[in-house]
C-alpha atoms as a PDB file:
ATOM      1  CA  MET A   1      -7.489   1.221   8.109  1.00  0.00           C
ATOM      2  CA  LYS A   2      -5.460   2.552  11.388  1.00  0.00           C
ATOM      3  CA  PRO A   3      -2.471   3.841  10.745  1.00  0.00           C
ATOM      4  CA  THR A   4      -0.743   1.570  11.972  1.00  0.00           C
ATOM      5  CA  THR A   5      -1.806  -0.794   9.987  1.00  0.00           C
ATOM      6  CA  LYS A   6      -1.297   0.758   7.420  1.00  0.00           C
ATOM      7  CA  GLN A   7       2.188   0.828   8.909  1.00  0.00           C
ATOM      8  CA  GLU A   8       2.762  -3.103  10.221  1.00  0.00           C
ATOM      9  CA  GLN A   9       1.897  -3.553   6.515  1.00  0.00           C
ATOM     10  CA  SER A  10       4.290  -1.036   5.276  1.00  0.00           C
ATOM     11  CA  VAL A  11       7.208  -2.802   7.456  1.00  0.00           C
ATOM     12  CA  ASP A  12       6.202  -6.754   6.251  1.00  0.00           C
ATOM     13  CA  TYR A  13       6.230  -5.880   2.537  1.00  0.00           C
ATOM     14  CA  LEU A  14       9.312  -3.812   3.243  1.00  0.00           C
ATOM     15  CA  MET A  15      10.721  -6.721   4.751  1.00  0.00           C
ATOM     16  CA  SER A  16       9.934  -8.879   2.390  1.00  0.00           C
ATOM     17  CA  GLN A  17      11.634  -7.624  -0.439  1.00  0.00           C
ATOM     18  CA  LEU A  18      14.845  -6.494   1.119  1.00  0.00           C
ATOM     19  CA  LYS A  19      14.787 -10.015   1.628  1.00  0.00           C
ATOM     20  CA  VAL A  20      13.794 -10.482  -2.093  1.00  0.00           C
ATOM     21  CA  CYS A  21      15.553  -7.492  -3.615  1.00  0.00           C
ATOM     22  CA  LYS A  22      19.906  -8.252  -4.751  1.00  0.00           C
ATOM     23  CA  THR A  23      20.955  -4.536  -4.602  1.00  0.00           C
ATOM     24  CA  LYS A  24      20.054  -1.664  -2.840  1.00  0.00           C
ATOM     25  CA  GLU A  25      18.950  -0.276  -5.662  1.00  0.00           C
ATOM     26  CA  ASP A  26      16.519  -2.455  -5.785  1.00  0.00           C
ATOM     27  CA  PHE A  27      14.713  -2.397  -2.567  1.00  0.00           C
ATOM     28  CA  LEU A  28      14.914   1.884  -3.207  1.00  0.00           C
ATOM     29  CA  LEU A  29      13.006   1.038  -6.814  1.00  0.00           C
ATOM     30  CA  SER A  30      10.335  -0.685  -4.902  1.00  0.00           C
ATOM     31  CA  PHE A  31      10.596   0.964  -2.109  1.00  0.00           C
ATOM     32  CA  TRP A  32       9.023   3.933  -4.417  1.00  0.00           C
ATOM     33  CA  ILE A  33       6.930   2.765  -6.621  1.00  0.00           C
ATOM     34  CA  TYR A  34       4.840   1.484  -3.641  1.00  0.00           C
ATOM     35  CA  TRP A  35       5.605   4.614  -1.775  1.00  0.00           C
ATOM     36  CA  CYS A  36       4.090   6.133  -5.319  1.00  0.00           C
ATOM     37  CA  GLU A  37       0.752   3.702  -4.697  1.00  0.00           C
ATOM     38  CA  SER A  38       0.121   4.545  -1.506  1.00  0.00           C
ATOM     39  CA  VAL A  39      -0.142   8.330  -2.072  1.00  0.00           C
ATOM     40  CA  THR A  40      -2.353   7.995  -5.997  1.00  0.00           C
ATOM     41  CA  VAL A  41      -6.003   6.515  -6.769  1.00  0.00           C
ATOM     42  CA  THR A  42      -5.499   6.163 -10.133  1.00  0.00           C
ATOM     43  CA  ASP A  43      -3.239   4.560 -13.004  1.00  0.00           C
ATOM     44  CA  ARG A  44      -2.567   8.485 -14.815  1.00  0.00           C
ATOM     45  CA  GLU A  45      -1.714   9.916 -10.947  1.00  0.00           C
ATOM     46  CA  PHE A  46       0.915   7.479 -10.682  1.00  0.00           C
ATOM     47  CA  GLN A  47       2.602   7.552 -13.671  1.00  0.00           C
ATOM     48  CA  LYS A  48       1.841  12.072 -12.655  1.00  0.00           C
ATOM     49  CA  VAL A  49       3.624  11.396  -9.459  1.00  0.00           C
ATOM     50  CA  ILE A  50       6.253   8.476 -10.434  1.00  0.00           C
ATOM     51  CA  ALA A  51       7.906  10.604 -12.879  1.00  0.00           C
ATOM     52  CA  SER A  52       7.689  14.112 -10.415  1.00  0.00           C
ATOM     53  CA  ALA A  53      11.416  14.858  -9.905  1.00  0.00           C
ATOM     54  CA  ALA A  54      10.723  17.414  -7.642  1.00  0.00           C
ATOM     55  CA  VAL A  55       8.544  14.759  -5.243  1.00  0.00           C
ATOM     56  CA  ASN A  56      11.306  11.482  -5.840  1.00  0.00           C
ATOM     57  CA  LYS A  57      13.288  14.328  -4.541  1.00  0.00           C
ATOM     58  CA  TRP A  58      12.094  15.616  -1.636  1.00  0.00           C
ATOM     59  CA  PHE A  59      11.943  11.459  -0.972  1.00  0.00           C
ATOM     60  CA  LEU A  60      15.604  10.808  -1.152  1.00  0.00           C
ATOM     61  CA  MET A  61      16.235  13.917   1.668  1.00  0.00           C
ATOM     62  CA  GLN A  62      13.130  12.451   3.354  1.00  0.00           C
ATOM     63  CA  LEU A  63      15.183   8.881   3.256  1.00  0.00           C
ATOM     64  CA  SER A  64      18.714  10.026   3.693  1.00  0.00           C
ATOM     65  CA  LYS A  65      17.284  11.460   7.198  1.00  0.00           C
ATOM     66  CA  TYR A  66      16.034   8.342   8.348  1.00  0.00           C
ATOM     67  CA  GLU A  67      19.301   6.376   6.569  1.00  0.00           C
ATOM     68  CA  ALA A  68      20.936   8.501   8.752  1.00  0.00           C
ATOM     69  CA  GLU A  69      19.120   7.880  12.143  1.00  0.00           C
ATOM     70  CA  PHE A  70      19.101   3.912  11.547  1.00  0.00           C
ATOM     71  CA  ILE A  71      23.295   4.503  11.083  1.00  0.00           C
ATOM     72  CA  SER A  72      23.164   6.524  14.473  1.00  0.00           C
ATOM     73  CA  TYR A  73      21.468   3.489  15.890  1.00  0.00           C
ATOM     74  CA  ILE A  74      23.831   0.860  14.362  1.00  0.00           C
ATOM     75  CA  ILE A  75      26.580   3.289  16.272  1.00  0.00           C
ATOM     76  CA  ASP A  76      25.634   3.571  18.981  1.00  0.00           C
ATOM     77  CA  TYR A  77      24.359  -0.438  18.828  1.00  0.00           C
ATOM     78  CA  PRO A  78      27.152  -2.221  17.203  1.00  0.00           C
ATOM     79  CA  ASP A  79      26.439  -6.122  18.189  1.00  0.00           C
ATOM     80  CA  THR A  80      23.234  -5.275  15.773  1.00  0.00           C
ATOM     81  CA  TYR A  81      23.536  -7.792  13.384  1.00  0.00           C
ATOM     82  CA  GLY A  82      21.714  -9.915  10.714  1.00  0.00           C
ATOM     83  CA  ARG A  83      18.070 -10.239  10.929  1.00  0.00           C
ATOM     84  CA  ASP A  84      17.917  -7.411  13.743  1.00  0.00           C
ATOM     85  CA  LYS A  85      19.552  -5.168  11.167  1.00  0.00           C
ATOM     86  CA  ASP A  86      17.900  -5.389   8.679  1.00  0.00           C
ATOM     87  CA  TRP A  87      14.592  -4.946  10.748  1.00  0.00           C
ATOM     88  CA  LEU A  88      15.951  -2.075  12.244  1.00  0.00           C
ATOM     89  CA  TYR A  89      16.824   0.043   9.043  1.00  0.00           C
ATOM     90  CA  VAL A  90      12.844  -1.354   7.395  1.00  0.00           C
ATOM     91  CA  LYS A  91      11.538  -0.163  10.745  1.00  0.00           C
ATOM     92  CA  CYS A  92      13.639   3.317  10.859  1.00  0.00           C
ATOM     93  CA  VAL A  93      12.873   3.974   6.488  1.00  0.00           C
ATOM     94  CA  CYS A  94       9.400   3.159   7.070  1.00  0.00           C
ATOM     95  CA  LYS A  95       8.520   6.430   8.809  1.00  0.00           C
ATOM     96  CA  LEU A  96       8.523   7.741   4.937  1.00  0.00           C
ATOM     97  CA  MET A  97       4.932   6.404   4.738  1.00  0.00           C
ATOM     98  CA  THR A  98       3.285   9.257   6.949  1.00  0.00           C
ATOM     99  CA  PRO A  99       4.618  12.128   5.980  1.00  0.00           C
ATOM    100  CA  TYR A 100       2.997  12.868   2.606  1.00  0.00           C
ATOM    101  CA  PRO A 101       4.509  16.705   0.543  1.00  0.00           C
ATOM    102  CA  GLN A 102       0.977  17.644  -0.204  1.00  0.00           C
ATOM    103  CA  ALA A 103       2.009  20.468  -2.324  1.00  0.00           C
ATOM    104  CA  LEU A 104       4.396  18.415  -4.361  1.00  0.00           C
ATOM    105  CA  LEU A 105       1.526  15.910  -4.669  1.00  0.00           C
ATOM    106  CA  GLN A 106      -1.053  18.257  -5.939  1.00  0.00           C
ATOM    107  CA  GLU A 107       1.154  19.845  -8.415  1.00  0.00           C
ATOM    108  CA  ALA A 108       2.553  16.631  -9.649  1.00  0.00           C
ATOM    109  CA  LYS A 109      -1.154  15.314 -10.017  1.00  0.00           C
ATOM    110  CA  LYS A 110      -2.770  17.920 -11.949  1.00  0.00           C
ATOM    111  CA  ARG A 111      -3.864  18.474 -15.613  1.00  0.00           C
ATOM    112  CA  GLU A 112      -1.491  19.566 -17.610  1.00  0.00           C
ATOM    113  CA  LEU A 113      -3.745  19.765 -21.104  1.00  0.00           C
ATOM    114  CA  LYS A 114      -6.779  21.689 -21.237  1.00  0.00           C
ATOM    115  CA  PRO A 115      -9.563  19.459 -23.713  1.00  0.00           C
ATOM    116  CA  SER A 116     -10.226  20.911 -27.557  1.00  0.00           C
ATOM    117  CA  LEU A 117     -13.328  20.289 -28.753  1.00  0.00           C
ATOM    118  CA  THR A 118     -14.268  19.119 -31.654  1.00  0.00           C
ATOM    119  CA  LYS A 119     -16.400  20.260 -33.909  1.00  0.00           C
ATOM    120  CA  VAL A 120     -19.263  18.331 -35.070  1.00  0.00           C
ATOM    121  CA  PRO A 121     -22.890  19.978 -36.468  1.00  0.00           C
ATOM    122  CA  GLY A 122     -24.378  19.795 -32.858  1.00  0.00           C
ATOM    123  CA  ILE A 123     -22.330  18.694 -31.227  1.00  0.00           C
ATOM    124  CA  LYS A 124     -19.590  19.225 -28.705  1.00  0.00           C
ATOM    125  CA  ILE A 125     -16.618  16.921 -27.733  1.00  0.00           C
ATOM    126  CA  GLU A 126     -14.590  16.619 -25.086  1.00  0.00           C
ATOM    127  CA  PHE A 127     -11.273  14.883 -25.713  1.00  0.00           C
ATOM    128  CA  LEU A 128      -7.855  14.698 -24.252  1.00  0.00           C
ATOM    129  CA  LEU A 129      -5.206  13.648 -26.979  1.00  0.00           C
ATOM    130  CA  THR A 130      -3.481  12.248 -23.800  1.00  0.00           C
ATOM    131  CA  ASN A 131      -7.027   9.694 -23.052  1.00  0.00           C
ATOM    132  CA  LEU A 132      -7.084   8.244 -26.873  1.00  0.00           C
ATOM    133  CA  ASN A 133      -4.289   4.981 -25.408  1.00  0.00           C
END
């Protein structure tokens, strides 16, 4: 898949979410979940990344940079309103889909617990308490 295709899909998805969400907080939560899904492969990784305070802080800092860019465009072009303003906002914040904090993501995804062995005569059984759900 080409990066531009992913970018176009992101713009379309975020625009649809902007229409559906009633508050900015709802939109940001939807965007955060969408971004976390894009950087993870498994459900377990998704849970770890979405719960990571460091990754969330990075995401919000980057988002504020792109929102500042959007504000600078609106100041330069004050006649922009309605759907055009929404598209401009989505195109600005959608740039967040391409950079990834690789070190923070690796830290969030790493395995915290080492597997313990159950002692059964003649058989070693490895299990994690977190895998027993």
